N, C-alpha and C. Protein backbone atom coordinates (compact mmCIF):
# COMPACT_ATOMS: atom_id res chain seq x y z
N MET A 1 72.73 107.82 91.55
CA MET A 1 71.53 108.75 90.97
C MET A 1 72.62 109.44 89.67
N ILE A 2 71.88 109.66 88.39
CA ILE A 2 72.52 110.28 87.49
C ILE A 2 71.96 111.56 87.37
N ALA A 3 72.82 112.65 87.03
CA ALA A 3 72.64 113.96 86.87
C ALA A 3 72.78 114.24 85.14
N ILE A 4 71.76 114.64 84.63
CA ILE A 4 71.76 114.86 83.08
C ILE A 4 71.31 116.05 82.69
N GLY A 5 71.91 116.72 81.64
CA GLY A 5 71.48 118.13 81.11
C GLY A 5 71.92 118.26 79.80
N SER A 6 71.51 119.08 79.17
CA SER A 6 71.71 119.57 77.58
C SER A 6 71.30 120.85 77.23
N ASP A 7 71.87 121.15 76.37
CA ASP A 7 71.48 122.58 75.77
C ASP A 7 70.41 122.11 74.67
N HIS A 8 70.00 123.12 73.52
CA HIS A 8 68.84 122.76 72.86
C HIS A 8 69.61 121.88 71.76
N GLY A 9 70.73 121.89 71.39
CA GLY A 9 71.37 120.94 70.35
C GLY A 9 71.53 119.68 70.88
N GLY A 10 71.43 119.27 72.10
CA GLY A 10 71.39 118.03 72.90
C GLY A 10 69.91 117.53 73.37
N TYR A 11 69.10 118.38 73.28
CA TYR A 11 67.78 118.01 73.62
C TYR A 11 67.24 116.75 73.44
N ASP A 12 67.25 116.56 71.99
CA ASP A 12 66.57 115.25 71.49
C ASP A 12 67.23 114.01 71.88
N LEU A 13 68.40 114.17 71.95
CA LEU A 13 69.32 113.02 72.18
C LEU A 13 69.16 112.77 73.63
N LYS A 14 68.84 113.89 74.43
CA LYS A 14 68.85 113.82 75.78
C LYS A 14 67.46 112.92 76.19
N GLN A 15 66.47 113.24 75.58
CA GLN A 15 65.14 112.69 75.62
C GLN A 15 65.37 111.25 75.45
N GLU A 16 66.19 110.63 74.33
CA GLU A 16 66.52 109.07 74.05
C GLU A 16 67.08 108.63 75.19
N ILE A 17 68.14 109.26 75.84
CA ILE A 17 68.68 108.75 76.96
C ILE A 17 67.75 108.77 78.34
N ILE A 18 67.21 109.66 78.16
CA ILE A 18 66.26 109.59 79.63
C ILE A 18 65.10 108.24 79.41
N ARG A 19 64.84 107.87 78.27
CA ARG A 19 63.97 106.76 78.10
C ARG A 19 64.86 105.49 78.18
N TYR A 20 65.95 105.46 77.94
CA TYR A 20 66.83 104.25 78.27
C TYR A 20 66.98 104.46 79.73
N LEU A 21 67.36 105.45 80.49
CA LEU A 21 67.38 105.44 81.99
C LEU A 21 66.11 104.91 82.54
N GLU A 22 65.00 105.44 82.17
CA GLU A 22 63.65 105.16 82.77
C GLU A 22 63.35 103.38 82.55
N GLU A 23 63.75 102.97 81.11
CA GLU A 23 63.36 101.46 81.18
C GLU A 23 64.14 100.53 81.92
N HIS A 24 65.46 101.17 82.10
CA HIS A 24 66.41 100.36 83.21
C HIS A 24 66.21 100.82 84.63
N ASN A 25 65.27 101.43 85.15
CA ASN A 25 65.13 101.76 86.49
C ASN A 25 66.07 102.68 87.05
N ILE A 26 66.93 103.48 85.96
CA ILE A 26 68.15 104.16 86.81
C ILE A 26 67.44 105.55 87.13
N GLU A 27 67.76 106.01 88.42
CA GLU A 27 67.20 107.31 88.84
C GLU A 27 67.99 108.25 88.26
N TYR A 28 67.52 109.53 87.93
CA TYR A 28 68.14 110.51 87.25
C TYR A 28 67.39 111.89 87.62
N LYS A 29 68.12 112.94 87.35
CA LYS A 29 67.47 114.28 87.59
C LYS A 29 68.08 115.03 86.48
N ASP A 30 66.97 115.49 85.79
CA ASP A 30 67.17 116.61 84.56
C ASP A 30 67.45 117.72 84.98
N PHE A 31 68.71 118.62 84.82
CA PHE A 31 68.96 119.91 85.01
C PHE A 31 68.82 120.63 83.90
N GLY A 32 67.86 120.29 82.99
CA GLY A 32 67.69 121.15 81.65
C GLY A 32 68.49 120.97 80.55
N CYS A 33 68.29 121.81 79.57
CA CYS A 33 67.07 122.48 79.15
C CYS A 33 65.87 121.41 78.93
N HIS A 34 64.85 122.26 78.54
CA HIS A 34 63.42 121.54 78.51
C HIS A 34 62.65 121.61 77.25
N SER A 35 63.60 122.32 76.14
CA SER A 35 62.91 122.42 74.94
C SER A 35 64.03 122.35 73.80
N THR A 36 63.71 122.34 72.71
CA THR A 36 64.87 122.63 71.83
C THR A 36 64.83 124.19 71.35
N ASP A 37 64.26 125.10 72.15
CA ASP A 37 64.57 126.47 72.16
C ASP A 37 66.20 126.84 72.40
N SER A 38 66.56 127.73 71.57
CA SER A 38 68.09 128.27 71.98
C SER A 38 68.31 128.77 73.23
N CYS A 39 69.63 128.01 73.82
CA CYS A 39 70.03 128.45 75.16
C CYS A 39 71.54 128.11 75.23
N ASP A 40 72.12 128.48 76.20
CA ASP A 40 73.52 128.61 76.41
C ASP A 40 73.97 127.17 77.17
N TYR A 41 74.70 126.46 76.44
CA TYR A 41 75.34 125.08 77.11
C TYR A 41 76.17 125.20 78.04
N PRO A 42 76.93 126.48 78.61
CA PRO A 42 77.58 126.52 79.82
C PRO A 42 76.79 126.49 81.01
N GLU A 43 75.65 126.83 81.04
CA GLU A 43 74.71 126.93 82.00
C GLU A 43 74.39 125.47 82.51
N PHE A 44 73.92 124.63 81.65
CA PHE A 44 73.65 123.22 81.96
C PHE A 44 74.59 122.24 82.10
N GLY A 45 76.06 122.67 81.51
CA GLY A 45 77.25 121.98 81.77
C GLY A 45 77.43 122.06 83.24
N LYS A 46 77.52 123.46 83.67
CA LYS A 46 78.04 123.74 85.11
C LYS A 46 76.81 123.29 86.08
N ARG A 47 75.53 123.32 85.70
CA ARG A 47 74.77 122.61 86.84
C ARG A 47 75.08 121.22 87.25
N VAL A 48 75.00 120.45 86.09
CA VAL A 48 75.30 118.99 86.00
C VAL A 48 76.63 118.76 86.70
N ALA A 49 77.57 119.52 86.45
CA ALA A 49 79.12 119.24 86.98
C ALA A 49 78.86 119.68 88.57
N GLU A 50 78.20 120.58 88.81
CA GLU A 50 78.35 120.78 90.39
C GLU A 50 77.69 119.90 91.27
N ALA A 51 76.62 119.36 90.63
CA ALA A 51 75.81 118.62 91.29
C ALA A 51 76.66 117.08 91.31
N VAL A 52 77.66 116.64 90.36
CA VAL A 52 78.41 115.62 90.49
C VAL A 52 79.32 115.84 91.46
N ALA A 53 79.95 117.13 91.36
CA ALA A 53 81.20 117.50 92.30
C ALA A 53 81.07 117.53 93.72
N ASP A 54 79.70 117.88 94.01
CA ASP A 54 79.38 118.04 95.46
C ASP A 54 78.96 116.85 96.12
N GLY A 55 78.99 115.71 95.25
CA GLY A 55 78.45 114.36 95.56
C GLY A 55 77.07 114.01 95.71
N SER A 56 76.21 115.01 95.31
CA SER A 56 74.69 114.65 95.12
C SER A 56 74.52 113.53 94.19
N TYR A 57 75.12 113.48 93.23
CA TYR A 57 74.94 112.58 92.20
C TYR A 57 76.11 111.86 91.85
N GLU A 58 76.20 110.43 91.51
CA GLU A 58 77.27 109.62 91.34
C GLU A 58 77.95 109.97 90.10
N LYS A 59 77.27 110.17 88.94
CA LYS A 59 77.74 110.35 87.55
C LYS A 59 77.05 111.41 86.97
N GLY A 60 77.35 111.96 85.90
CA GLY A 60 76.50 113.09 85.14
C GLY A 60 76.55 112.55 83.56
N ILE A 61 75.71 113.05 82.84
CA ILE A 61 75.41 113.28 81.36
C ILE A 61 75.13 114.19 80.83
N ILE A 62 76.02 115.03 79.98
CA ILE A 62 75.96 116.18 79.42
C ILE A 62 75.86 116.22 77.66
N ILE A 63 74.91 116.99 77.03
CA ILE A 63 74.83 116.75 75.93
C ILE A 63 74.53 118.53 75.39
N CYS A 64 75.36 118.64 74.18
CA CYS A 64 75.25 119.74 73.39
C CYS A 64 75.35 119.37 71.88
N GLY A 65 75.39 120.13 70.82
CA GLY A 65 75.35 119.88 69.65
C GLY A 65 76.62 119.02 69.34
N THR A 66 77.87 119.28 69.89
CA THR A 66 79.10 118.41 69.41
C THR A 66 79.47 117.81 70.74
N GLY A 67 79.10 118.16 71.81
CA GLY A 67 79.49 117.53 73.37
C GLY A 67 80.98 118.40 73.51
N ILE A 68 81.50 119.07 72.67
CA ILE A 68 82.81 119.77 73.07
C ILE A 68 82.37 121.06 73.98
N GLY A 69 81.60 122.00 73.58
CA GLY A 69 81.32 123.05 74.58
C GLY A 69 81.19 122.77 75.96
N ILE A 70 79.83 122.04 75.98
CA ILE A 70 79.45 121.65 77.22
C ILE A 70 80.56 120.73 78.00
N SER A 71 81.32 119.95 77.59
CA SER A 71 82.27 119.23 78.23
C SER A 71 83.40 120.28 78.83
N ILE A 72 83.79 121.23 78.15
CA ILE A 72 84.73 122.25 78.42
C ILE A 72 83.98 122.86 79.59
N ALA A 73 82.72 123.52 79.58
CA ALA A 73 82.04 123.87 80.73
C ALA A 73 82.02 123.17 81.96
N ALA A 74 81.82 122.05 81.74
CA ALA A 74 81.56 121.04 82.79
C ALA A 74 83.14 120.94 83.80
N ASN A 75 84.17 120.74 82.79
CA ASN A 75 85.36 120.54 83.19
C ASN A 75 86.10 121.65 83.92
N LYS A 76 85.36 122.82 83.94
CA LYS A 76 86.03 124.06 84.81
C LYS A 76 85.40 123.92 86.30
N VAL A 77 84.56 122.86 86.62
CA VAL A 77 84.26 122.56 87.98
C VAL A 77 85.17 121.64 88.57
N LYS A 78 85.64 122.21 90.02
CA LYS A 78 86.85 121.56 90.37
C LYS A 78 86.31 119.90 90.94
N GLY A 79 87.03 118.96 90.57
CA GLY A 79 86.48 117.39 90.82
C GLY A 79 85.90 116.69 89.78
N VAL A 80 85.62 117.59 88.70
CA VAL A 80 84.83 116.78 87.50
C VAL A 80 86.09 116.42 86.52
N ARG A 81 85.87 115.29 86.10
CA ARG A 81 86.29 114.85 84.76
C ARG A 81 85.48 114.34 83.68
N ALA A 82 85.02 115.43 83.08
CA ALA A 82 84.01 114.99 81.98
C ALA A 82 84.91 114.64 80.69
N ALA A 83 84.14 113.45 80.10
CA ALA A 83 85.03 112.94 78.96
C ALA A 83 83.72 112.87 77.73
N LEU A 84 84.33 113.59 76.55
CA LEU A 84 83.54 113.50 75.37
C LEU A 84 83.73 112.22 74.71
N CYS A 85 82.68 111.39 74.59
CA CYS A 85 82.84 109.81 74.05
C CYS A 85 81.82 109.80 72.80
N HIS A 86 82.39 109.33 71.51
CA HIS A 86 81.58 109.20 70.44
C HIS A 86 81.68 107.63 70.11
N ASP A 87 81.96 106.83 70.97
CA ASP A 87 82.53 105.33 70.90
C ASP A 87 82.27 104.55 72.07
N CYS A 88 82.08 103.45 72.24
CA CYS A 88 82.04 102.69 73.19
C CYS A 88 83.45 102.32 73.83
N PHE A 89 84.55 102.20 73.04
CA PHE A 89 85.72 102.00 73.60
C PHE A 89 86.31 103.11 74.45
N SER A 90 85.89 104.35 73.85
CA SER A 90 86.51 105.42 74.76
C SER A 90 85.73 105.70 76.12
N ALA A 91 84.25 105.20 75.82
CA ALA A 91 83.46 105.36 77.08
C ALA A 91 84.08 104.28 78.15
N LYS A 92 84.43 103.35 77.83
CA LYS A 92 85.18 102.24 78.78
C LYS A 92 86.40 102.49 79.17
N ALA A 93 87.10 103.02 78.33
CA ALA A 93 88.41 103.45 78.91
C ALA A 93 88.58 104.60 79.55
N THR A 94 87.81 105.67 79.59
CA THR A 94 87.67 106.84 80.37
C THR A 94 87.10 106.44 81.63
N ARG A 95 86.48 105.58 82.01
CA ARG A 95 85.82 105.03 83.06
C ARG A 95 86.94 104.04 83.89
N GLU A 96 87.65 103.36 83.05
CA GLU A 96 88.67 102.45 83.81
C GLU A 96 89.78 103.07 83.93
N HIS A 97 90.39 104.16 83.23
CA HIS A 97 91.69 104.82 83.48
C HIS A 97 91.62 106.15 84.02
N ASN A 98 90.56 106.82 83.65
CA ASN A 98 90.38 108.33 84.04
C ASN A 98 89.31 108.55 85.19
N ASP A 99 88.72 107.55 85.60
CA ASP A 99 87.56 107.62 86.36
C ASP A 99 86.86 108.78 86.19
N ALA A 100 86.58 108.80 84.85
CA ALA A 100 85.60 110.02 84.47
C ALA A 100 84.22 109.93 85.17
N ASN A 101 83.79 111.10 85.65
CA ASN A 101 82.55 111.15 86.35
C ASN A 101 81.25 111.78 85.57
N ILE A 102 81.62 112.26 84.44
CA ILE A 102 80.58 112.85 83.79
C ILE A 102 80.95 112.30 82.13
N LEU A 103 79.95 112.01 81.47
CA LEU A 103 79.97 111.81 80.04
C LEU A 103 79.25 112.71 79.36
N ALA A 104 80.07 113.18 78.26
CA ALA A 104 79.50 114.08 77.17
C ALA A 104 79.36 113.56 76.19
N LEU A 105 78.29 113.83 75.35
CA LEU A 105 77.94 113.40 74.03
C LEU A 105 77.52 114.56 73.03
N GLY A 106 77.60 114.40 71.73
CA GLY A 106 77.26 115.42 70.68
C GLY A 106 75.92 114.98 70.24
N GLY A 107 74.92 115.68 70.23
CA GLY A 107 73.73 115.26 69.76
C GLY A 107 73.43 115.38 68.24
N ARG A 108 74.45 116.20 67.89
CA ARG A 108 74.47 116.42 66.11
C ARG A 108 75.62 115.54 65.71
N VAL A 109 76.40 114.78 66.44
CA VAL A 109 77.43 113.96 66.04
C VAL A 109 77.09 112.31 65.97
N ILE A 110 76.30 111.89 66.80
CA ILE A 110 75.96 110.47 66.89
C ILE A 110 74.58 110.23 66.86
N GLY A 111 74.19 108.98 66.68
CA GLY A 111 72.61 108.87 66.68
C GLY A 111 72.36 108.21 67.93
N PRO A 112 70.92 108.05 68.26
CA PRO A 112 70.57 107.52 69.46
C PRO A 112 70.97 106.42 69.86
N GLY A 113 70.88 105.40 68.86
CA GLY A 113 71.43 103.67 69.01
C GLY A 113 72.73 103.72 69.70
N LEU A 114 73.77 104.30 69.12
CA LEU A 114 74.96 104.42 69.39
C LEU A 114 75.27 105.26 70.90
N ALA A 115 74.77 106.36 70.96
CA ALA A 115 74.42 107.08 72.31
C ALA A 115 74.06 106.24 73.43
N VAL A 116 72.89 105.47 73.34
CA VAL A 116 72.60 104.65 74.56
C VAL A 116 73.40 103.56 74.67
N GLN A 117 74.27 102.82 73.63
CA GLN A 117 75.27 101.94 73.95
C GLN A 117 76.58 102.58 74.82
N ILE A 118 76.95 103.75 74.33
CA ILE A 118 77.93 104.51 75.09
C ILE A 118 77.50 104.78 76.57
N VAL A 119 76.38 105.16 76.49
CA VAL A 119 75.77 105.45 77.98
C VAL A 119 75.81 104.18 79.11
N GLU A 120 75.61 103.12 78.22
CA GLU A 120 75.43 101.77 79.08
C GLU A 120 76.94 101.35 79.20
N THR A 121 77.68 101.55 78.60
CA THR A 121 79.28 101.12 78.59
C THR A 121 79.78 102.14 79.75
N PHE A 122 79.40 103.27 79.80
CA PHE A 122 79.87 104.64 80.71
C PHE A 122 79.45 104.00 82.07
N LEU A 123 78.07 103.71 82.29
CA LEU A 123 77.42 103.43 83.54
C LEU A 123 78.05 102.18 84.33
N ASN A 124 78.25 101.21 83.49
CA ASN A 124 78.33 99.97 83.93
C ASN A 124 79.89 99.53 83.84
N THR A 125 80.73 100.70 83.71
CA THR A 125 82.26 100.30 83.87
C THR A 125 82.68 100.89 85.00
N GLU A 126 83.61 100.07 85.80
CA GLU A 126 84.07 100.53 87.02
C GLU A 126 85.40 101.07 86.90
N PHE A 127 86.06 101.83 87.55
CA PHE A 127 87.28 102.32 87.62
C PHE A 127 88.35 101.26 88.00
N SER A 128 89.45 100.99 87.24
CA SER A 128 90.37 99.88 87.39
C SER A 128 90.97 99.95 89.06
N ASN A 129 91.02 101.13 89.52
CA ASN A 129 91.76 101.49 90.91
C ASN A 129 93.26 100.86 90.60
N GLU A 130 93.65 100.81 89.75
CA GLU A 130 95.27 100.69 89.17
C GLU A 130 96.00 101.82 89.90
N GLU A 131 97.20 101.57 90.44
CA GLU A 131 97.89 102.74 91.22
C GLU A 131 98.50 103.76 89.96
N ARG A 132 98.87 103.27 88.72
CA ARG A 132 99.28 104.26 87.66
C ARG A 132 98.18 105.29 87.44
N HIS A 133 97.01 104.63 87.54
CA HIS A 133 95.73 105.26 87.02
C HIS A 133 95.38 106.51 87.98
N LYS A 134 95.46 105.90 89.45
CA LYS A 134 95.23 106.86 90.65
C LYS A 134 96.34 107.91 90.57
N ARG A 135 97.75 107.47 90.25
CA ARG A 135 98.57 108.45 90.46
C ARG A 135 98.31 109.54 89.48
N ARG A 136 98.04 109.40 88.22
CA ARG A 136 97.49 110.33 87.05
C ARG A 136 96.49 111.16 87.42
N ILE A 137 95.54 110.75 87.91
CA ILE A 137 94.23 111.58 88.25
C ILE A 137 94.43 112.28 89.42
N SER A 138 95.55 112.02 90.21
CA SER A 138 95.67 112.89 91.47
C SER A 138 96.68 114.11 90.57
N GLN A 139 97.35 113.78 89.68
CA GLN A 139 98.10 114.83 89.04
C GLN A 139 97.06 116.00 88.43
N LEU A 140 96.01 115.21 87.75
CA LEU A 140 95.06 116.20 87.32
C LEU A 140 94.28 117.16 88.30
N GLU A 141 94.11 116.66 89.31
CA GLU A 141 93.61 117.46 90.67
C GLU A 141 94.18 118.63 91.09
N LYS A 142 95.66 118.47 90.78
CA LYS A 142 96.61 119.43 91.30
C LYS A 142 96.39 120.83 90.58
N LYS A 143 96.39 121.85 91.24
CA LYS A 143 96.19 123.10 90.66
C LYS A 143 97.26 123.75 89.90
């Protein structure tokens, strides 16, 4: 199951991604926001990050205007590896190499067609499980 959330700057793109998830029968929960009214991205980045970190959701998708602020907020939660991706190569690499568990997108940076391709790549790419990548991720987890 996928946790998804956005601020007002990512709301429209989130709706496009939700359409994709529904068309492909991918279960999700929308953690907000629920309109284009101005709101604060840290709240929604944290909601999704906590849901992924506690194991309730396998992966997350977060969206703000640039994807930067909401990814910073999500990465404050222990156990989260949120990756900002604006191309399919990065989405594939971050899953294979970093075992990223949250995808961040910029609603004012990329269009819906590319965003859906990035989401599809992120959701369908497995972690490589290579020892070098596991070692590096464990270093990220240390305080």
